[in-house]
Amino acid sequence: MSHLLRDAAVIEPRTLHRKTVFCLHGLGSDGFDFTPIVHALTLPEDLGVRFVFPHAPVRPVTVNGGFPMRAWYDILYPDLARFADTPGIRAATDAFLEFTGAEAGRLGGWDRLVLAGFSQGGVIALQSALRGPHAVAGVLALSTYLPLREPEDISGQAPRFPVFWGHGTLDTVVPFALGESAVSYLQSRGYPVEWRSYATPHTVCPEEIYDIRSWLLATLSAAP
């Protein structure tokens, strides 16, 4: 899968490249889905932020009758809390860590990377950060969940990286309770989580974009 991850939409900074935000889309979408948000964020140019939006490979998705679509891993049943494609998620995190590791090497450290994702893209972003060898600058987890909590999926790395978690209270795709459960789990393990809820379904709303901007400004400004 790693060679497919190199197929990505990229928005380069106008100034010296100093930090990178990777953003993974949700099921059935592609990397272009979230590129408009970059312009809405209006981050200061002197931060030197490169945005990378990888495209997931096309694969059959069980819950959708085996119809092929872009997906980071298979969705086996609608009940996300009980049924997880554990091998698929681990394979995707391994590939994503290889991809982001190359960028960390170019920039001089994992602490110059923010990993972000929406829905199942958020799963891969978060599980990769938890499983990775070094702490990233932070993770943006949007309308997502945390299916894998085995020791091999949580490295226990220190220091703990900050997390922004946004979730819609009307979400019927990834139920709000799954987000709450994951946030409680992370907080119990010492991760600083900024938890925000919105009266929306499975989407990102303008209020959330404003909150993401504030969090990104603080997180990227604190990164070396």
Protein backbone atom coordinates (compact mmCIF):
# COMPACT_ATOMS: atom_id res chain seq x y z
CA MET A 1 0.00 0.00 0.00
CA SER A 2 2.88 2.39 0.71
CA HIS A 3 3.48 3.20 -2.95
CA LEU A 4 -0.19 4.14 -3.31
CA LEU A 5 0.11 6.58 -0.43
CA ARG A 6 2.56 8.56 -2.52
CA ASP A 7 -0.40 9.54 -4.70
CA ALA A 8 -1.52 12.62 -2.80
CA ALA A 9 -2.86 16.14 -3.17
CA VAL A 10 -0.30 18.60 -1.83
CA ILE A 11 -0.50 22.29 -0.92
CA GLU A 12 2.98 23.74 -0.56
CA PRO A 13 3.82 26.73 1.66
CA ARG A 14 4.82 30.01 0.06
CA THR A 15 7.66 30.35 2.55
CA LEU A 16 10.34 27.94 3.78
CA HIS A 17 8.84 24.51 4.47
CA ARG A 18 9.16 23.93 8.22
CA LYS A 19 6.21 21.71 9.24
CA THR A 20 3.77 19.30 7.61
CA VAL A 21 0.15 18.42 8.25
CA PHE A 22 -1.00 15.07 6.84
CA CYS A 23 -4.77 14.76 6.47
CA LEU A 24 -6.50 11.44 5.69
CA HIS A 25 -9.98 11.42 4.17
CA GLY A 26 -12.93 9.24 5.08
CA LEU A 27 -14.46 6.18 3.41
CA GLY A 28 -15.28 6.60 -0.28
CA SER A 29 -13.74 10.06 -0.57
CA ASP A 30 -10.26 11.12 -1.71
CA GLY A 31 -7.50 13.51 -0.78
CA PHE A 32 -9.12 16.44 -2.53
CA ASP A 33 -12.10 16.35 -0.15
CA PHE A 34 -10.41 18.45 2.53
CA THR A 35 -8.12 20.70 0.48
CA PRO A 36 -10.61 23.65 0.60
CA ILE A 37 -10.26 23.72 4.39
CA VAL A 38 -6.64 24.84 4.09
CA HIS A 39 -7.73 28.17 2.63
CA ALA A 40 -10.43 28.52 5.30
CA LEU A 41 -7.83 28.05 8.05
CA THR A 42 -5.87 31.15 6.96
CA LEU A 43 -2.74 30.09 8.84
CA PRO A 44 0.14 32.60 8.93
CA GLU A 45 2.52 32.03 6.03
CA ASP A 46 5.57 32.27 8.25
CA LEU A 47 4.66 28.93 9.85
CA GLY A 48 5.81 27.28 6.62
CA VAL A 49 3.18 24.53 6.69
CA ARG A 50 2.93 21.95 3.93
CA PHE A 51 -0.40 20.10 3.69
CA VAL A 52 -0.45 16.57 2.31
CA PHE A 53 -3.72 14.78 1.50
CA PRO A 54 -3.03 11.15 0.53
CA HIS A 55 -5.58 9.13 -1.47
CA ALA A 56 -6.55 5.76 0.00
CA PRO A 57 -6.32 2.72 -2.30
CA VAL A 58 -9.47 1.40 -3.96
CA ARG A 59 -10.72 -1.84 -2.36
CA PRO A 60 -13.95 -3.78 -1.90
CA VAL A 61 -15.80 -2.69 1.26
CA THR A 62 -17.80 -5.44 2.95
CA VAL A 63 -20.42 -3.23 4.60
CA ASN A 64 -21.23 -1.74 1.19
CA GLY A 65 -21.84 -5.10 -0.44
CA GLY A 66 -18.24 -5.47 -1.61
CA PHE A 67 -18.45 -2.39 -3.82
CA PRO A 68 -14.93 -1.07 -4.51
CA MET A 69 -14.12 2.42 -3.25
CA ARG A 70 -11.28 4.31 -1.65
CA ALA A 71 -10.80 2.97 1.87
CA TRP A 72 -7.93 2.80 4.33
CA TYR A 73 -9.24 -0.55 5.58
CA ASP A 74 -12.34 -2.71 5.29
CA ILE A 75 -15.53 -1.98 7.21
CA LEU A 76 -16.99 -5.34 8.10
CA TYR A 77 -20.28 -4.39 9.80
CA PRO A 78 -22.09 -1.16 10.70
CA ASP A 79 -21.34 -1.76 14.40
CA LEU A 80 -17.88 -0.20 14.51
CA ALA A 81 -17.48 -0.80 18.23
CA ARG A 82 -17.66 -4.61 17.91
CA PHE A 83 -16.13 -5.44 14.55
CA ALA A 84 -12.79 -4.05 13.37
CA ASP A 85 -10.59 -4.99 10.43
CA THR A 86 -7.58 -5.34 12.72
CA PRO A 87 -5.12 -6.65 10.10
CA GLY A 88 -6.22 -3.96 7.63
CA ILE A 89 -5.86 -1.15 10.18
CA ARG A 90 -2.41 -2.34 11.23
CA ALA A 91 -1.26 -2.64 7.62
CA ALA A 92 -2.52 0.88 6.89
CA THR A 93 -0.77 2.33 9.95
CA ASP A 94 2.49 0.62 8.98
CA ALA A 95 2.26 2.11 5.48
CA PHE A 96 1.34 5.54 6.80
CA LEU A 97 4.20 5.51 9.31
CA GLU A 98 6.62 4.68 6.49
CA PHE A 99 5.21 7.54 4.45
CA THR A 100 5.27 10.10 7.27
CA GLY A 101 8.64 8.86 8.52
CA ALA A 102 10.24 9.96 5.27
CA GLU A 103 8.85 13.46 5.82
CA ALA A 104 10.04 13.47 9.44
CA GLY A 105 13.52 12.64 8.18
CA ARG A 106 13.47 15.52 5.72
CA LEU A 107 12.26 18.01 8.34
CA GLY A 108 14.48 16.77 11.14
CA GLY A 109 11.93 15.29 13.52
CA TRP A 110 8.50 13.73 14.05
CA ASP A 111 7.66 16.67 16.29
CA ARG A 112 7.27 18.78 13.14
CA LEU A 113 4.37 16.66 11.90
CA VAL A 114 0.65 16.87 12.64
CA LEU A 115 -1.38 13.80 11.71
CA ALA A 116 -5.04 14.49 10.95
CA GLY A 117 -7.96 12.48 9.69
CA PHE A 118 -11.71 12.32 9.30
CA SER A 119 -13.73 9.19 10.14
CA GLN A 120 -11.70 6.10 9.15
CA GLY A 121 -8.90 8.45 8.10
CA GLY A 122 -8.90 9.67 11.69
CA VAL A 123 -8.51 6.08 12.86
CA ILE A 124 -5.33 5.67 10.82
CA ALA A 125 -3.94 9.06 11.86
CA LEU A 126 -4.53 8.38 15.56
CA GLN A 127 -3.49 4.72 15.58
CA SER A 128 -0.32 5.63 13.65
CA ALA A 129 0.60 8.32 16.16
CA LEU A 130 -0.02 5.93 19.06
CA ARG A 131 1.94 3.14 17.41
CA GLY A 132 4.78 5.24 16.01
CA PRO A 133 8.34 5.34 17.34
CA HIS A 134 8.33 9.03 18.28
CA ALA A 135 5.84 11.63 19.48
CA VAL A 136 4.35 13.80 16.74
CA ALA A 137 3.47 17.48 17.23
CA GLY A 138 -0.20 16.55 17.55
CA VAL A 139 -3.18 14.69 16.14
CA LEU A 140 -6.43 16.07 14.71
CA ALA A 141 -9.10 13.39 15.19
CA LEU A 142 -12.38 14.33 13.47
CA SER A 143 -15.61 12.33 13.79
CA THR A 144 -13.64 9.17 14.42
CA TYR A 145 -13.02 6.34 16.91
CA LEU A 146 -10.23 4.20 18.38
CA PRO A 147 -10.82 0.50 17.58
CA LEU A 148 -7.41 -0.99 18.49
CA ARG A 149 -6.21 -0.77 22.09
CA GLU A 150 -3.93 -3.77 22.41
CA PRO A 151 -0.39 -3.19 23.76
CA GLU A 152 1.11 -3.60 20.28
CA ASP A 153 -1.14 -0.78 19.04
CA ILE A 154 -0.24 1.67 21.83
CA SER A 155 3.49 2.26 22.10
CA GLY A 156 3.35 4.13 25.41
CA GLN A 157 5.72 6.75 24.03
CA ALA A 158 6.56 9.86 26.07
CA PRO A 159 6.02 12.73 26.03
CA ARG A 160 2.34 12.48 25.22
CA PHE A 161 1.29 14.41 22.13
CA PRO A 162 -1.73 16.76 22.17
CA VAL A 163 -4.98 15.73 20.49
CA PHE A 164 -7.85 17.79 19.12
CA TRP A 165 -11.03 15.71 18.90
CA GLY A 166 -14.12 17.10 17.19
CA HIS A 167 -17.33 15.10 16.91
CA GLY A 168 -20.93 15.76 15.93
CA THR A 169 -23.61 14.88 18.47
CA LEU A 170 -25.93 13.89 15.59
CA ASP A 171 -23.39 11.55 13.96
CA THR A 172 -25.04 8.26 12.95
CA VAL A 173 -22.03 6.92 11.01
CA VAL A 174 -19.49 7.07 13.84
CA PRO A 175 -21.71 7.43 16.91
CA PHE A 176 -20.87 10.23 19.32
CA ALA A 177 -20.46 7.67 22.13
CA LEU A 178 -17.51 6.09 20.29
CA GLY A 179 -15.75 9.43 20.28
CA GLU A 180 -16.45 9.95 23.98
CA SER A 181 -15.11 6.48 24.78
CA ALA A 182 -11.91 7.06 22.85
CA VAL A 183 -11.32 10.46 24.44
CA SER A 184 -11.79 9.01 27.93
CA TYR A 185 -9.33 6.25 27.09
CA LEU A 186 -6.68 8.69 25.86
CA GLN A 187 -7.13 10.98 28.83
CA SER A 188 -6.76 8.02 31.21
CA ARG A 189 -3.37 7.35 29.60
CA GLY A 190 -2.21 10.94 30.04
CA TYR A 191 -2.83 12.36 26.57
CA PRO A 192 -3.96 16.02 26.63
CA VAL A 193 -7.17 16.02 24.59
CA GLU A 194 -9.10 19.10 23.54
CA TRP A 195 -12.61 17.66 23.18
CA ARG A 196 -15.20 19.59 21.18
CA SER A 197 -18.74 18.56 20.30
CA TYR A 198 -20.97 20.11 17.63
CA ALA A 199 -24.68 19.81 16.86
CA THR A 200 -23.97 18.29 13.45
CA PRO A 201 -24.10 14.88 11.71
CA HIS A 202 -21.04 13.12 10.19
CA THR A 203 -19.34 16.21 8.81
CA VAL A 204 -17.10 19.17 9.65
CA CYS A 205 -18.89 22.45 10.39
CA PRO A 206 -17.64 26.09 10.24
CA GLU A 207 -17.46 26.32 14.03
CA GLU A 208 -15.23 23.25 14.08
CA ILE A 209 -12.93 24.73 11.43
CA TYR A 210 -12.51 27.80 13.64
CA ASP A 211 -11.58 25.57 16.60
CA ILE A 212 -9.19 23.54 14.44
CA ARG A 213 -7.47 26.74 13.36
CA SER A 214 -6.94 27.83 16.97
CA TRP A 215 -5.57 24.42 17.94
CA LEU A 216 -3.30 24.21 14.88
CA LEU A 217 -1.90 27.69 15.51
CA ALA A 218 -1.00 26.80 19.10
CA THR A 219 0.35 23.35 18.21
CA LEU A 220 2.41 24.35 15.18
CA SER A 221 3.76 27.45 16.92
CA ALA A 222 4.96 25.25 19.79
CA ALA A 223 6.67 22.78 17.44
CA PRO A 224 10.40 23.38 16.78
